[in-house]
Amino acid sequence: MQEWVDVSIQSGVDPGELLGLLDDGAVQGAWEDDGVTHLYWSQTDWNGERLQHLCAALDRLDPSGTARGTVHVGGLPHQDWNRLWAQSV
């Protein structure tokens, strides 16, 4: 089963702009909730280079550097996201 990496960023940057700057086809999903943007990569696609690219994109969107200090990288176990979504509506 596929394991996921959840990168959460508490920041005022626009999630759409961030995704556009990343231009990373390996990003499997993104959502924003209460000022926290979540981006998802498969565990096999995630690496230090992607983290550096993400931090550089945040720096471009927020030159003050406040967004970079709020990045959290965590694991997320496999779930049937379609089933969970269907149950929530």
Protein backbone atom coordinates (compact mmCIF):
# COMPACT_ATOMS: atom_id res chain seq x y z
CA MET A 1 0.00 0.00 0.00
CA GLN A 2 1.12 3.49 -0.83
CA GLU A 3 2.31 5.66 2.05
CA TRP A 4 2.11 9.44 1.75
CA VAL A 5 4.03 12.49 2.90
CA ASP A 6 1.89 15.37 4.15
CA VAL A 7 3.70 18.70 4.03
CA SER A 8 1.77 21.33 5.97
CA ILE A 9 2.61 25.00 5.64
CA GLN A 10 1.06 27.59 7.93
CA SER A 11 1.38 30.75 5.94
CA GLY A 12 -0.42 33.55 4.19
CA VAL A 13 0.90 32.50 0.77
CA ASP A 14 -1.66 31.58 -1.86
CA PRO A 15 -1.80 27.77 -2.31
CA GLY A 16 -2.48 28.11 -6.05
CA GLU A 17 0.54 30.34 -6.53
CA LEU A 18 2.67 27.92 -4.52
CA LEU A 19 1.59 24.97 -6.67
CA GLY A 20 2.30 27.00 -9.80
CA LEU A 21 5.82 27.84 -8.64
CA LEU A 22 6.49 24.24 -7.64
CA ASP A 23 5.44 22.93 -11.05
CA ASP A 24 5.91 19.43 -9.64
CA GLY A 25 3.90 16.68 -11.30
CA ALA A 26 4.57 14.40 -8.34
CA VAL A 27 2.35 16.48 -6.03
CA GLN A 28 -0.69 14.24 -5.63
CA GLY A 29 -3.01 16.65 -3.93
CA ALA A 30 -3.33 19.94 -2.13
CA TRP A 31 -5.85 21.62 0.11
CA GLU A 32 -6.01 24.61 2.40
CA ASP A 33 -7.74 24.68 5.78
CA ASP A 34 -7.73 27.60 8.19
CA GLY A 35 -4.52 29.13 6.86
CA VAL A 36 -2.66 25.80 6.61
CA THR A 37 -1.84 24.47 3.16
CA HIS A 38 -1.34 20.71 2.84
CA LEU A 39 0.58 19.20 -0.06
CA TYR A 40 0.92 15.46 -0.64
CA TRP A 41 3.62 13.37 -2.26
CA SER A 42 3.98 9.62 -2.33
CA GLN A 43 6.68 8.52 0.06
CA THR A 44 8.71 7.15 -2.85
CA ASP A 45 8.65 10.54 -4.63
CA TRP A 46 9.51 12.68 -1.60
CA ASN A 47 13.15 13.65 -1.05
CA GLY A 48 15.39 16.44 0.17
CA GLU A 49 15.53 18.04 -3.25
CA ARG A 50 11.74 18.47 -3.27
CA LEU A 51 11.92 20.05 0.20
CA GLN A 52 14.59 22.49 -1.01
CA HIS A 53 12.48 23.34 -4.07
CA LEU A 54 9.45 23.91 -1.82
CA CYS A 55 11.42 26.19 0.52
CA ALA A 56 12.75 28.17 -2.46
CA ALA A 57 9.20 28.62 -3.78
CA LEU A 58 8.04 29.80 -0.36
CA ASP A 59 10.92 32.27 -0.22
CA ARG A 60 9.90 33.65 -3.63
CA LEU A 61 6.31 34.11 -2.47
CA ASP A 62 7.27 35.46 0.96
CA PRO A 63 10.71 37.12 0.87
CA SER A 64 10.47 37.93 4.60
CA GLY A 65 11.08 34.23 5.23
CA THR A 66 8.24 33.80 7.70
CA ALA A 67 6.58 31.05 5.63
CA ARG A 68 9.69 28.89 5.51
CA GLY A 69 9.78 28.44 9.28
CA THR A 70 6.29 26.96 9.35
CA VAL A 71 6.83 23.90 7.16
CA HIS A 72 6.06 20.54 8.77
CA VAL A 73 6.74 17.23 7.02
CA GLY A 74 4.83 14.22 8.32
CA GLY A 75 3.72 10.78 7.26
CA LEU A 76 0.21 9.81 6.30
CA PRO A 77 -0.90 6.17 6.09
CA HIS A 78 -2.75 4.83 3.07
CA GLN A 79 -6.50 5.38 3.13
CA ASP A 80 -9.32 5.02 0.66
CA TRP A 81 -9.71 8.75 0.11
CA ASN A 82 -12.62 8.38 -2.33
CA ARG A 83 -14.62 6.34 0.19
CA LEU A 84 -13.86 8.79 3.01
CA TRP A 85 -14.91 11.73 0.85
CA ALA A 86 -18.13 9.99 -0.21
CA GLN A 87 -19.00 9.35 3.42
CA SER A 88 -18.44 13.00 4.32
CA VAL A 89 -20.92 14.47 1.82
